[in-house]
């Protein structure tokens, strides 16, 4: 059954609008520091608060199988509404670091009903060609994640608080689009009962474990790279005495170009296979981790920017492909729960990598910090292509 033509664009647009909440705090971090007396180390804490909220939300959603027992579009809408309200909390005049962290935690919590649920909705509509469809969907998430940096670059035109207002409005509008225009898909198999063991039982399948472990390695690198792109740009500008460089503008493009890579990877996977395409992207991003010290120290500005743009592509091109492998290897009646629990564990890993990178900046030369991210691609490739044969030939 071929889904209506508007379904995929609407899901992608809604995902783009709603996931702009993710890095809204990071996009205006310098303004938060000056407005509320925060410290420079807040970048790691604010990002981690969102991730922790997302982990708590996905764990709860997975244990109670919300996306499989209830209409995914309704779950998406209510999560978007509550996430938008939590995001607005950053505008409170009496905020402290603790209250900002609470609001960002709540935003992350409700993002658990947006990102994995959006993939579940896509999987309910697209059986064949799911990799291509999720390429568009995750690509939209990537651009949505980058959007606050672009809005921050424009704050010379309007106040930083408009970034928060704009992302909250977009999230609400995205939720309305989903509930109004995307009913439950034809491939949805509703779970008839509450099953607290579903999120654990899926790991009994070797195919599922291979896909999940590849995703976990990818996640060790991804959000640490995204969160510290502005920091790395700032270090390069300082060391190489580059003036009048628009860090927020280039941070947007370095992250957002990954959206195009997700779509491109989806099309490549139709010809080369999902698993080989995901493995190639993971390998290339690992090579970028290893090359990072030399590029930071010795590359001229154009080469440095091109390197980060390439890294921004390969660091996330495998994300929709791993989700495709997870969805295809999970039982149909718990597909939403499978995607959610893998997201939960993956984002728990990002907490560790974010804090490790944040701590390493204080104890070792900055050019060597991103070497630690190599651990993720290395272990992910081992998990994905381990000697025990699987049937992951999607």
Protein backbone atom coordinates (compact mmCIF):
# COMPACT_ATOMS: atom_id res chain seq x y z
CA UNK A 1 0.00 0.00 0.00
CA UNK A 2 1.47 3.32 -1.09
CA UNK A 3 0.93 6.09 1.50
CA UNK A 4 -0.50 9.49 0.49
CA UNK A 5 2.16 11.83 -0.91
CA UNK A 6 1.75 14.38 1.87
CA UNK A 7 2.56 11.95 4.71
CA UNK A 8 6.36 11.93 4.57
CA UNK A 9 6.74 15.71 4.07
CA UNK A 10 4.36 16.42 6.96
CA UNK A 11 6.18 14.01 9.29
CA UNK A 12 9.53 15.53 8.31
CA UNK A 13 8.32 19.13 8.74
CA UNK A 14 6.72 18.34 12.10
CA UNK A 15 9.92 16.62 13.24
CA UNK A 16 11.98 19.61 12.07
CA UNK A 17 9.82 22.11 13.92
CA UNK A 18 9.61 20.10 17.14
CA UNK A 19 13.26 19.11 17.44
CA UNK A 20 14.30 22.76 17.25
CA UNK A 21 13.65 22.59 21.02
CA UNK A 22 16.69 20.33 21.49
CA UNK A 23 19.52 22.85 21.24
CA UNK A 24 17.49 25.99 21.91
CA UNK A 25 19.38 26.45 25.19
CA UNK A 26 22.77 25.96 23.55
CA UNK A 27 21.89 28.34 20.74
CA UNK A 28 21.52 31.22 23.21
CA UNK A 29 24.04 30.00 25.77
CA UNK A 30 26.19 33.14 25.78
CA UNK A 31 23.07 35.21 26.45
CA UNK A 32 22.00 32.86 29.26
CA UNK A 33 25.47 33.22 30.80
CA UNK A 34 25.31 37.02 30.77
CA UNK A 35 21.63 37.29 31.74
CA UNK A 36 21.65 34.81 34.64
CA UNK A 37 25.29 34.86 35.80
CA UNK A 38 26.18 31.35 34.60
CA UNK A 39 29.69 29.98 34.04
CA UNK A 40 31.33 28.83 30.81
CA UNK A 41 31.08 25.21 31.95
CA UNK A 42 27.29 25.49 31.65
CA UNK A 43 27.43 24.30 28.02
CA UNK A 44 28.01 20.71 29.13
CA UNK A 45 25.47 20.85 31.95
CA UNK A 46 22.67 22.41 29.89
CA UNK A 47 23.15 19.93 27.05
CA UNK A 48 23.32 17.03 29.52
CA UNK A 49 20.10 18.17 31.21
CA UNK A 50 18.24 17.80 27.91
CA UNK A 51 19.80 14.40 27.35
CA UNK A 52 18.93 13.25 30.88
CA UNK A 53 15.35 14.36 30.40
CA UNK A 54 15.20 12.52 27.10
CA UNK A 55 16.58 9.37 28.74
CA UNK A 56 14.02 9.54 31.55
CA UNK A 57 11.23 10.15 29.04
CA UNK A 58 12.21 7.37 26.65
CA UNK A 59 12.62 4.92 29.54
CA UNK A 60 9.12 5.72 30.79
CA UNK A 61 7.64 5.61 27.27
CA UNK A 62 9.37 2.28 26.58
CA UNK A 63 8.39 0.58 29.84
CA UNK A 64 4.75 1.59 29.45
CA UNK A 65 4.81 0.97 25.64
CA UNK A 66 3.02 4.29 25.00
CA UNK A 67 3.86 4.49 21.28
CA UNK A 68 2.49 0.98 20.68
CA UNK A 69 -0.64 1.15 22.86
CA UNK A 70 -1.83 4.67 21.98
CA UNK A 71 -2.15 6.64 18.76
CA UNK A 72 1.42 7.78 17.94
CA UNK A 73 0.17 11.02 16.39
CA UNK A 74 -1.63 11.94 19.63
CA UNK A 75 1.43 11.05 21.70
CA UNK A 76 3.49 13.25 19.36
CA UNK A 77 1.09 16.20 19.68
CA UNK A 78 0.88 16.22 23.47
CA UNK A 79 4.63 15.82 23.76
CA UNK A 80 5.15 18.78 21.40
CA UNK A 81 2.74 20.95 23.40
CA UNK A 82 4.31 20.16 26.77
CA UNK A 83 7.84 20.41 25.36
CA UNK A 84 7.07 23.89 23.99
CA UNK A 85 5.80 25.01 27.40
CA UNK A 86 8.90 23.64 29.16
CA UNK A 87 11.11 25.45 26.66
CA UNK A 88 9.41 28.75 27.48
CA UNK A 89 10.50 28.34 31.11
CA UNK A 90 13.97 29.55 30.13
CA UNK A 91 12.45 33.03 29.72
CA UNK A 92 11.60 33.32 33.45
CA UNK A 93 13.34 36.42 34.81
CA UNK A 94 14.32 34.78 38.13
CA UNK A 95 16.06 31.78 36.60
CA UNK A 96 19.18 30.27 38.16
CA UNK A 97 21.34 27.50 36.73
CA UNK A 98 19.24 24.96 38.67
CA UNK A 99 15.91 26.21 37.33
CA UNK A 100 17.27 26.38 33.78
CA UNK A 101 18.48 22.80 34.12
CA UNK A 102 15.01 21.76 35.34
CA UNK A 103 13.32 23.40 32.36
CA UNK A 104 15.82 21.88 29.93
CA UNK A 105 15.34 18.47 31.59
CA UNK A 106 11.57 18.77 31.10
CA UNK A 107 12.08 19.77 27.47
CA UNK A 108 14.21 16.67 26.92
CA UNK A 109 11.62 14.52 28.68
CA UNK A 110 8.90 15.51 26.24
CA UNK A 111 11.23 15.20 23.25
CA UNK A 112 11.01 11.47 24.03
CA UNK A 113 7.49 11.62 22.63
CA UNK A 114 8.69 13.38 19.48
CA UNK A 115 11.86 11.88 18.01
CA UNK A 116 11.37 8.10 18.44
CA UNK A 117 7.61 8.43 18.06
CA UNK A 118 8.10 10.29 14.79
CA UNK A 119 10.21 7.36 13.54
CA UNK A 120 7.52 4.95 14.72
CA UNK A 121 4.91 6.90 12.71
CA UNK A 122 7.13 6.72 9.62
CA UNK A 123 7.63 2.97 10.12
CA UNK A 124 3.83 2.57 10.29
CA UNK A 125 3.53 4.09 6.81
CA UNK A 126 6.66 2.85 5.03
CA UNK A 127 7.56 -0.82 5.03
CA UNK A 128 9.82 -0.97 1.98
CA UNK A 129 12.26 1.90 1.55
CA UNK A 130 12.17 2.70 5.26
CA UNK A 131 15.85 3.73 5.19
CA UNK A 132 15.11 6.46 2.65
CA UNK A 133 12.04 7.62 4.58
CA UNK A 134 13.91 7.77 7.89
CA UNK A 135 16.71 9.58 6.07
CA UNK A 136 14.32 12.46 5.44
CA UNK A 137 12.94 12.23 8.97
CA UNK A 138 16.28 12.23 10.80
CA UNK A 139 17.55 14.82 8.33
CA UNK A 140 14.74 17.07 9.49
CA UNK A 141 15.73 16.41 13.10
CA UNK A 142 19.32 17.39 12.33
CA UNK A 143 18.34 20.68 10.71
CA UNK A 144 15.92 21.33 13.57
CA UNK A 145 18.74 20.70 16.03
CA UNK A 146 20.95 23.19 14.17
CA UNK A 147 18.25 25.87 13.81
CA UNK A 148 18.85 27.64 17.16
CA UNK A 149 22.43 28.39 16.08
CA UNK A 150 21.12 30.16 12.97
CA UNK A 151 18.56 32.05 15.02
CA UNK A 152 21.32 33.02 17.44
CA UNK A 153 23.36 34.38 14.52
CA UNK A 154 20.43 36.68 13.80
CA UNK A 155 20.12 38.06 17.35
CA UNK A 156 21.78 41.27 16.22
CA UNK A 157 18.39 41.84 14.56
CA UNK A 158 16.15 40.68 17.43
CA UNK A 159 16.62 39.79 21.15
CA UNK A 160 17.80 36.29 22.18
CA UNK A 161 14.49 35.59 23.89
CA UNK A 162 12.89 35.48 20.45
CA UNK A 163 14.91 32.32 19.76
CA UNK A 164 13.12 30.60 22.64
CA UNK A 165 9.74 31.97 21.60
CA UNK A 166 10.27 30.95 17.98
CA UNK A 167 11.32 27.38 18.79
CA UNK A 168 8.36 26.92 21.15
CA UNK A 169 5.94 28.21 18.52
CA UNK A 170 7.45 25.93 15.87
CA UNK A 171 7.14 22.92 18.18
CA UNK A 172 3.47 23.62 18.85
CA UNK A 173 2.79 24.08 15.14
CA UNK A 174 4.61 20.83 14.36
CA UNK A 175 2.46 18.96 16.86
CA UNK A 176 -0.70 20.40 15.33
CA UNK A 177 0.41 19.37 11.84
CA UNK A 178 0.98 15.80 12.98
CA UNK A 179 -2.31 15.29 14.78
CA UNK A 180 -4.34 17.02 12.05
CA UNK A 181 -2.80 15.51 8.93
CA UNK A 182 -1.15 12.19 9.87
CA UNK A 183 -3.58 9.51 11.14
CA UNK A 184 -2.36 6.10 12.26
CA UNK A 185 -0.50 4.29 9.48
CA UNK A 186 -1.58 1.08 7.68
CA UNK A 187 1.34 -0.96 9.05
CA UNK A 188 0.64 -0.08 12.66
CA UNK A 189 0.08 -3.13 14.86
CA UNK A 190 -1.38 -1.97 18.13
CA UNK A 191 -0.10 -3.62 21.28
CA UNK A 192 -3.14 -4.94 23.12
CA UNK A 193 -1.70 -5.06 26.61
CA UNK A 194 0.85 -3.49 28.88
CA UNK A 195 4.10 -5.48 28.69
CA UNK A 196 6.83 -4.31 31.06
CA UNK A 197 9.31 -6.82 29.63
CA UNK A 198 8.98 -5.81 25.95
CA UNK A 199 11.83 -3.30 26.09
CA UNK A 200 14.18 -6.00 27.42
CA UNK A 201 12.93 -8.96 25.38
CA UNK A 202 13.81 -7.30 22.05
CA UNK A 203 17.51 -7.67 22.88
CA UNK A 204 17.21 -11.46 22.72
CA UNK A 205 17.49 -11.26 18.91
CA UNK A 206 21.06 -11.13 17.59
CA UNK A 207 20.03 -8.96 14.63
CA UNK A 208 18.53 -6.42 16.98
CA UNK A 209 21.62 -6.38 19.21
CA UNK A 210 23.93 -5.81 16.24
CA UNK A 211 21.88 -2.82 15.06
CA UNK A 212 21.56 -1.45 18.58
CA UNK A 213 25.27 -1.73 19.39
CA UNK A 214 26.19 0.01 16.14
CA UNK A 215 23.79 2.81 17.10
CA UNK A 216 25.27 3.06 20.59
CA UNK A 217 28.77 3.56 19.21
CA UNK A 218 27.45 6.24 16.85
CA UNK A 219 25.77 8.07 19.74
CA UNK A 220 28.98 8.21 21.81
CA UNK A 221 30.35 10.57 19.18
CA UNK A 222 27.35 12.43 17.77
CA UNK A 223 26.06 14.76 20.48
CA UNK A 224 29.48 15.51 21.92
CA UNK A 225 30.54 16.65 18.46
CA UNK A 226 27.40 18.76 17.99
CA UNK A 227 27.54 20.33 21.45
CA UNK A 228 31.17 21.37 21.18
CA UNK A 229 31.28 22.58 17.57
CA UNK A 230 30.98 26.25 18.70
CA UNK A 231 33.70 25.67 21.31
CA UNK A 232 36.03 24.11 18.76
CA UNK A 233 35.42 26.95 16.32
CA UNK A 234 36.16 29.45 19.06
CA UNK A 235 39.44 27.72 19.93
CA UNK A 236 40.52 27.72 16.28
CA UNK A 237 39.67 31.40 15.88
CA UNK A 238 41.67 32.29 18.99
CA UNK A 239 44.72 30.19 18.14
CA UNK A 240 44.89 31.34 14.53
CA UNK A 241 43.94 34.97 15.27
CA UNK A 242 40.88 34.97 13.02
CA UNK A 243 38.71 38.03 13.49
CA UNK A 244 35.07 38.71 12.64
CA UNK A 245 34.17 35.05 12.32
CA UNK A 246 30.47 34.14 12.72
CA UNK A 247 30.67 31.11 15.01
CA UNK A 248 26.90 30.61 15.32
CA UNK A 249 26.44 30.85 11.55
CA UNK A 250 29.05 28.19 10.83
CA UNK A 251 27.88 26.03 13.74
CA UNK A 252 24.48 25.94 12.07
CA UNK A 253 25.88 24.79 8.73
CA UNK A 254 28.27 22.23 10.21
CA UNK A 255 25.38 20.57 12.05
CA UNK A 256 22.66 21.18 9.44
CA UNK A 257 24.64 19.69 6.55
CA UNK A 258 24.16 16.36 8.31
CA UNK A 259 20.50 16.57 7.33
CA UNK A 260 21.46 16.39 3.67
CA UNK A 261 23.81 13.50 4.47
CA UNK A 262 20.96 11.56 6.11
CA UNK A 263 18.84 11.88 2.98
CA UNK A 264 21.78 11.02 0.73
CA UNK A 265 22.64 8.01 2.91
CA UNK A 266 19.06 6.78 2.61
CA UNK A 267 19.27 6.76 -1.18
CA UNK A 268 22.74 5.17 -1.18
CA UNK A 269 21.48 2.43 1.14
CA UNK A 270 18.88 1.41 -1.46
CA UNK A 271 21.73 0.50 -3.81
CA UNK A 272 24.50 -0.59 -1.44
CA UNK A 273 22.46 -1.94 1.48
CA UNK A 274 21.57 -0.36 4.81
CA UNK A 275 24.19 -2.11 6.93
CA UNK A 276 27.23 -1.45 4.67
CA UNK A 277 26.22 2.20 4.20
CA UNK A 278 25.84 2.71 7.96
CA UNK A 279 29.19 1.02 8.61
CA UNK A 280 30.99 3.19 6.05
CA UNK A 281 29.67 6.42 7.59
CA UNK A 282 30.64 5.23 11.07
CA UNK A 283 34.15 4.38 9.86
CA UNK A 284 34.62 7.78 8.20
CA UNK A 285 33.47 9.65 11.31
CA UNK A 286 35.96 7.63 13.36
CA UNK A 287 38.72 8.69 10.95
CA UNK A 288 37.67 12.32 11.49
CA UNK A 289 38.06 11.84 15.26
CA UNK A 290 41.62 10.59 14.73
CA UNK A 291 42.50 13.42 12.33
CA UNK A 292 41.06 16.20 14.52
CA UNK A 293 44.30 17.19 16.35
CA UNK A 294 46.26 17.75 13.14
CA UNK A 295 43.43 19.70 11.52
CA UNK A 296 42.96 22.01 14.53
CA UNK A 297 46.68 22.71 14.80
CA UNK A 298 47.82 23.01 11.21
CA UNK A 299 44.92 23.44 8.79
CA UNK A 300 44.19 26.85 7.25
CA UNK A 301 40.71 28.22 7.87
CA UNK A 302 39.10 26.99 4.59
CA UNK A 303 40.42 23.45 5.14
CA UNK A 304 39.32 23.51 8.78
CA UNK A 305 35.77 24.51 7.80
CA UNK A 306 35.61 21.93 5.00
CA UNK A 307 36.84 19.25 7.42
CA UNK A 308 34.12 20.11 9.96
CA UNK A 309 31.46 20.18 7.23
CA UNK A 310 32.52 16.71 6.09
CA UNK A 311 32.58 15.48 9.68
CA UNK A 312 29.14 17.02 10.20
CA UNK A 313 27.90 14.84 7.32
CA UNK A 314 29.40 11.48 8.23
CA UNK A 315 28.82 11.83 11.98
CA UNK A 316 25.05 11.54 11.51
CA UNK A 317 24.51 9.95 8.08
CA UNK A 318 24.31 6.52 9.74
CA UNK A 319 21.66 7.49 12.31
CA UNK A 320 18.52 6.80 10.21
CA UNK A 321 20.14 3.64 8.87
CA UNK A 322 20.70 2.23 12.36
CA UNK A 323 17.08 3.09 13.20
CA UNK A 324 16.00 1.27 10.04
CA UNK A 325 17.93 -1.83 11.11
CA UNK A 326 16.40 -1.62 14.59
CA UNK A 327 12.86 -1.25 13.20
CA UNK A 328 13.24 -4.16 10.78
CA UNK A 329 14.69 -6.48 13.41
CA UNK A 330 12.03 -5.76 16.08
CA UNK A 331 8.66 -7.57 16.37
CA UNK A 332 5.98 -5.43 14.63
CA UNK A 333 3.77 -5.09 17.71
CA UNK A 334 6.59 -3.55 19.79
CA UNK A 335 8.40 -1.61 17.06
CA UNK A 336 7.75 1.72 18.77
CA UNK A 337 9.00 0.38 22.10
CA UNK A 338 12.12 -1.06 20.43
CA UNK A 339 12.98 2.27 18.80
CA UNK A 340 12.32 4.09 22.08
CA UNK A 341 14.48 1.87 24.31
CA UNK A 342 17.38 2.00 21.84
CA UNK A 343 17.06 5.78 21.85
CA UNK A 344 16.98 5.73 25.64
CA UNK A 345 20.23 3.78 25.96
CA UNK A 346 21.87 5.70 23.13
CA UNK A 347 21.17 9.04 24.74
CA UNK A 348 22.32 7.75 28.12
CA UNK A 349 25.65 7.10 26.41
CA UNK A 350 25.71 10.72 25.19
CA UNK A 351 25.57 11.90 28.80
CA UNK A 352 28.80 10.07 29.54
CA UNK A 353 30.57 11.27 26.40
CA UNK A 354 29.44 14.88 26.93
CA UNK A 355 30.74 14.92 30.49
CA UNK A 356 33.97 13.18 29.50
CA UNK A 357 34.64 15.74 26.76
CA UNK A 358 33.66 18.59 29.07
CA UNK A 359 36.10 17.35 31.73
CA UNK A 360 38.94 16.70 29.29
CA UNK A 361 38.96 20.32 28.13
CA UNK A 362 40.17 21.21 31.64
CA UNK A 363 42.98 18.65 31.87
CA UNK A 364 44.50 18.04 28.42
CA UNK A 365 45.36 20.26 25.42
CA UNK A 366 42.15 21.00 23.47
CA UNK A 367 43.46 19.53 20.22
CA UNK A 368 43.49 16.05 21.76
CA UNK A 369 40.02 16.13 23.35
CA UNK A 370 38.05 14.74 20.39
CA UNK A 371 40.33 11.72 20.15
CA UNK A 372 38.26 10.17 22.94
CA UNK A 373 35.26 10.15 20.59
CA UNK A 374 37.03 7.50 18.47
CA UNK A 375 35.93 4.95 21.07
CA UNK A 376 32.34 5.14 19.81
CA UNK A 377 32.87 4.38 16.12
CA UNK A 378 35.41 1.66 16.98
CA UNK A 379 33.09 -0.21 19.34
CA UNK A 380 30.08 0.44 17.11
CA UNK A 381 31.79 -1.17 14.13
CA UNK A 382 32.77 -4.17 16.24
CA UNK A 383 29.16 -4.58 17.43
CA UNK A 384 27.71 -4.15 13.94
CA UNK A 385 30.11 -6.50 12.14
CA UNK A 386 30.96 -8.95 14.89
CA UNK A 387 31.94 -12.45 13.79
CA UNK A 388 28.63 -14.05 14.73
CA UNK A 389 26.52 -13.93 11.61
CA UNK A 390 23.26 -12.03 11.59
CA UNK A 391 20.60 -11.65 8.93
CA UNK A 392 20.87 -7.85 8.76
CA UNK A 393 20.90 -7.54 4.98
CA UNK A 394 18.37 -4.77 4.67
